[in-house]
Amino acid sequence: MAESAAAYLTTNPGRLLVVLAGAGHVAFGSGIPKRLQRRTKATYAIVLNSGEEIEPHMADYLLLGGKQELLPAGVLGVNVEEKRGGCRIASLNPGGAGEKAGLKRGDILVSIDTQIVKTIADMHLALWDKQPGDRVRVKVRRTRTLRAVSRPDFEVELEAAPQRLPETHLESRERM
């Protein structure tokens, strides 16, 4: 890490560089900071969060933030899986937001609001800042009988994520 940082600073004189690394790589100046300074004579400042055991001279600055409660996430009430290059609804929570709106098992998510959805990660991004009660526009690709394809869209009022029990095994499906 120090070698890569030194190469960047050498080829980009006058530029600043921020290195994000675990506390063990920077605390007390050991590791990355001292190795970088030895290679480039650059000055540095160490910033750590308060999650570590605080000791004198451990860092130049400490971020002392209190515990923050996150707002509840808004979810579609569906379980999805990536299949054949798309994000397919594998099941719906009974009585959940998706079922109430008219989504069906087997629907392929096309978009949520203006966010194109091709992967589970795309779905997470589309719902990133959504809360229960928010309304989103969900477009799907639905295969009907005789392979006819329709592209309905739905307005879904997001619900709160259900309380999850500890899982005893890994699942390949994402709940949203």
Protein backbone atom coordinates (compact mmCIF):
# COMPACT_ATOMS: atom_id res chain seq x y z
CA MET A 1 0.00 0.00 0.00
CA ALA A 2 2.76 2.45 0.92
CA GLU A 3 4.60 1.66 -2.30
CA SER A 4 1.50 2.31 -4.43
CA ALA A 5 0.77 5.55 -2.55
CA ALA A 6 4.38 6.69 -3.01
CA ALA A 7 4.22 5.95 -6.75
CA TYR A 8 1.03 8.03 -7.04
CA LEU A 9 2.49 10.99 -5.13
CA THR A 10 5.71 10.85 -7.16
CA THR A 11 3.89 10.91 -10.50
CA ASN A 12 1.34 13.51 -9.31
CA PRO A 13 3.32 16.22 -7.51
CA GLY A 14 1.26 18.72 -5.56
CA ARG A 15 -1.70 16.35 -5.22
CA LEU A 16 -3.12 15.14 -1.92
CA LEU A 17 -3.85 11.52 -1.18
CA VAL A 18 -6.22 9.91 1.31
CA VAL A 19 -5.50 6.30 2.23
CA LEU A 20 -8.28 4.31 3.84
CA ALA A 21 -6.95 1.37 5.82
CA GLY A 22 -7.64 -0.53 9.01
CA ALA A 23 -6.37 0.88 12.29
CA GLY A 24 -3.67 -1.78 12.54
CA HIS A 25 -2.07 -0.43 9.36
CA VAL A 26 -1.88 3.19 10.55
CA ALA A 27 -2.14 3.46 14.37
CA PHE A 28 0.83 5.15 16.03
CA GLY A 29 2.16 5.95 12.55
CA SER A 30 3.43 2.41 12.10
CA GLY A 31 2.90 0.59 8.86
CA ILE A 32 1.69 2.66 5.93
CA PRO A 33 2.36 6.23 7.22
CA LYS A 34 6.01 5.72 8.18
CA ARG A 35 6.78 3.67 5.08
CA LEU A 36 5.19 6.32 2.87
CA GLN A 37 7.10 9.11 4.62
CA ARG A 38 10.37 7.19 4.21
CA ARG A 39 9.77 6.86 0.46
CA THR A 40 8.49 10.39 -0.28
CA LYS A 41 9.14 12.68 2.72
CA ALA A 42 5.37 13.37 2.64
CA THR A 43 3.65 14.51 5.79
CA TYR A 44 0.64 12.64 7.08
CA ALA A 45 -2.20 12.81 9.57
CA ILE A 46 -3.83 9.73 11.09
CA VAL A 47 -7.59 9.75 11.65
CA LEU A 48 -9.19 6.86 13.56
CA ASN A 49 -12.71 6.22 14.74
CA SER A 50 -13.57 5.64 18.36
CA GLY A 51 -14.29 1.94 17.79
CA GLU A 52 -10.76 1.03 18.80
CA GLU A 53 -9.26 1.03 22.30
CA ILE A 54 -7.95 4.60 22.53
CA GLU A 55 -4.37 5.13 23.67
CA PRO A 56 -2.17 8.24 23.86
CA HIS A 57 -0.45 9.17 20.55
CA MET A 58 -2.42 6.56 18.65
CA ALA A 59 -3.72 9.08 16.09
CA ASP A 60 -3.66 12.75 15.24
CA TYR A 61 -7.48 12.92 15.18
CA LEU A 62 -10.25 10.74 16.59
CA LEU A 63 -13.80 10.61 15.27
CA LEU A 64 -16.04 10.39 18.32
CA GLY A 65 -19.53 9.64 17.11
CA GLY A 66 -22.40 8.31 19.15
CA LYS A 67 -24.40 5.29 18.21
CA GLN A 68 -26.89 6.16 15.47
CA GLU A 69 -30.14 4.37 14.87
CA LEU A 70 -30.85 3.78 11.20
CA LEU A 71 -34.26 4.49 9.76
CA PRO A 72 -36.13 1.31 8.84
CA ALA A 73 -35.60 0.16 5.28
CA GLY A 74 -38.48 -0.02 2.84
CA VAL A 75 -38.76 -3.36 1.05
CA LEU A 76 -40.80 -4.82 -1.81
CA GLY A 77 -41.75 -7.95 0.13
CA VAL A 78 -40.23 -10.31 -2.44
CA ASN A 79 -37.42 -12.84 -2.56
CA VAL A 80 -35.34 -12.54 -5.72
CA GLU A 81 -32.63 -14.49 -7.49
CA GLU A 82 -30.35 -13.72 -10.38
CA LYS A 83 -31.25 -15.99 -13.22
CA ARG A 84 -30.39 -15.83 -16.94
CA GLY A 85 -29.07 -12.28 -16.76
CA GLY A 86 -32.00 -10.90 -14.81
CA CYS A 87 -33.38 -10.41 -11.33
CA ARG A 88 -36.31 -12.83 -11.02
CA ILE A 89 -38.94 -12.88 -8.27
CA ALA A 90 -38.60 -16.33 -6.71
CA SER A 91 -41.35 -15.83 -4.13
CA LEU A 92 -43.47 -13.15 -2.50
CA ASN A 93 -44.11 -12.57 1.17
CA PRO A 94 -47.77 -13.51 1.77
CA GLY A 95 -49.74 -10.30 2.14
CA GLY A 96 -46.58 -8.28 1.46
CA ALA A 97 -46.16 -5.09 -0.54
CA GLY A 98 -45.29 -6.85 -3.80
CA GLU A 99 -48.21 -9.26 -3.61
CA LYS A 100 -50.63 -6.43 -2.77
CA ALA A 101 -49.40 -4.45 -5.78
CA GLY A 102 -49.82 -7.37 -8.20
CA LEU A 103 -46.26 -8.66 -8.64
CA LYS A 104 -46.05 -12.40 -9.35
CA ARG A 105 -43.59 -15.21 -8.87
CA GLY A 106 -41.46 -15.46 -12.03
CA ASP A 107 -41.65 -11.76 -12.90
CA ILE A 108 -38.30 -10.33 -14.00
CA LEU A 109 -37.56 -6.91 -12.51
CA VAL A 110 -36.82 -4.39 -15.27
CA SER A 111 -36.68 -1.16 -13.26
CA ILE A 112 -37.54 0.43 -9.95
CA ASP A 113 -38.43 4.09 -10.47
CA THR A 114 -35.74 5.21 -12.94
CA GLN A 115 -33.10 2.64 -11.88
CA ILE A 116 -32.62 -0.21 -14.38
CA VAL A 117 -32.49 -3.54 -12.55
CA LYS A 118 -30.39 -6.37 -13.96
CA THR A 119 -28.83 -7.67 -10.73
CA ILE A 120 -29.67 -7.92 -7.05
CA ALA A 121 -27.14 -5.12 -6.45
CA ASP A 122 -29.13 -2.88 -8.84
CA MET A 123 -32.27 -3.57 -6.81
CA HIS A 124 -30.44 -2.67 -3.58
CA LEU A 125 -29.30 0.63 -5.13
CA ALA A 126 -32.81 1.48 -6.28
CA LEU A 127 -34.17 0.93 -2.77
CA TRP A 128 -31.14 2.38 -0.94
CA ASP A 129 -32.80 5.47 0.55
CA LYS A 130 -36.40 4.22 0.59
CA GLN A 131 -38.47 3.85 3.75
CA PRO A 132 -41.68 2.00 4.61
CA GLY A 133 -44.61 3.90 3.12
CA ASP A 134 -42.62 5.26 0.17
CA ARG A 135 -44.12 4.46 -3.22
CA VAL A 136 -41.99 3.18 -6.08
CA ARG A 137 -42.79 2.36 -9.70
CA VAL A 138 -41.77 -1.23 -10.51
CA LYS A 139 -41.63 -2.40 -14.12
CA VAL A 140 -41.41 -6.12 -14.79
CA ARG A 141 -41.17 -8.50 -17.72
CA ARG A 142 -43.79 -11.21 -17.39
CA THR A 143 -44.00 -14.32 -19.57
CA ARG A 144 -47.56 -15.48 -20.13
CA THR A 145 -48.90 -18.60 -21.82
CA LEU A 146 -47.62 -19.41 -25.31
CA ARG A 147 -44.47 -17.40 -24.53
CA ALA A 148 -46.20 -14.04 -24.93
CA VAL A 149 -44.34 -11.38 -22.98
CA SER A 150 -45.92 -8.39 -21.29
CA ARG A 151 -44.23 -5.47 -19.55
CA PRO A 152 -46.62 -4.29 -16.86
CA ASP A 153 -45.67 -1.74 -14.28
CA PHE A 154 -46.89 -1.41 -10.73
CA GLU A 155 -46.93 1.17 -7.98
CA VAL A 156 -45.70 -0.52 -4.81
CA GLU A 157 -46.01 1.00 -1.36
CA LEU A 158 -42.93 -0.27 0.43
CA GLU A 159 -43.27 -2.06 3.75
CA ALA A 160 -40.95 -2.44 6.71
CA ALA A 161 -38.50 -5.31 6.53
CA PRO A 162 -39.74 -8.25 8.61
CA GLN A 163 -37.75 -9.18 11.70
CA ARG A 164 -35.37 -11.93 10.63
CA LEU A 165 -34.58 -14.98 12.65
CA PRO A 166 -30.92 -15.99 12.83
CA GLU A 167 -30.19 -18.14 9.80
CA THR A 168 -28.65 -21.55 10.28
CA HIS A 169 -27.40 -21.81 6.70
CA LEU A 170 -26.49 -19.56 3.81
CA GLU A 171 -29.20 -18.83 1.28
CA SER A 172 -28.63 -17.98 -2.37
CA ARG A 173 -31.69 -15.72 -2.53
CA GLU A 174 -31.90 -12.09 -1.45
CA ARG A 175 -34.87 -10.86 0.51
CA MET A 176 -36.11 -7.38 -0.35
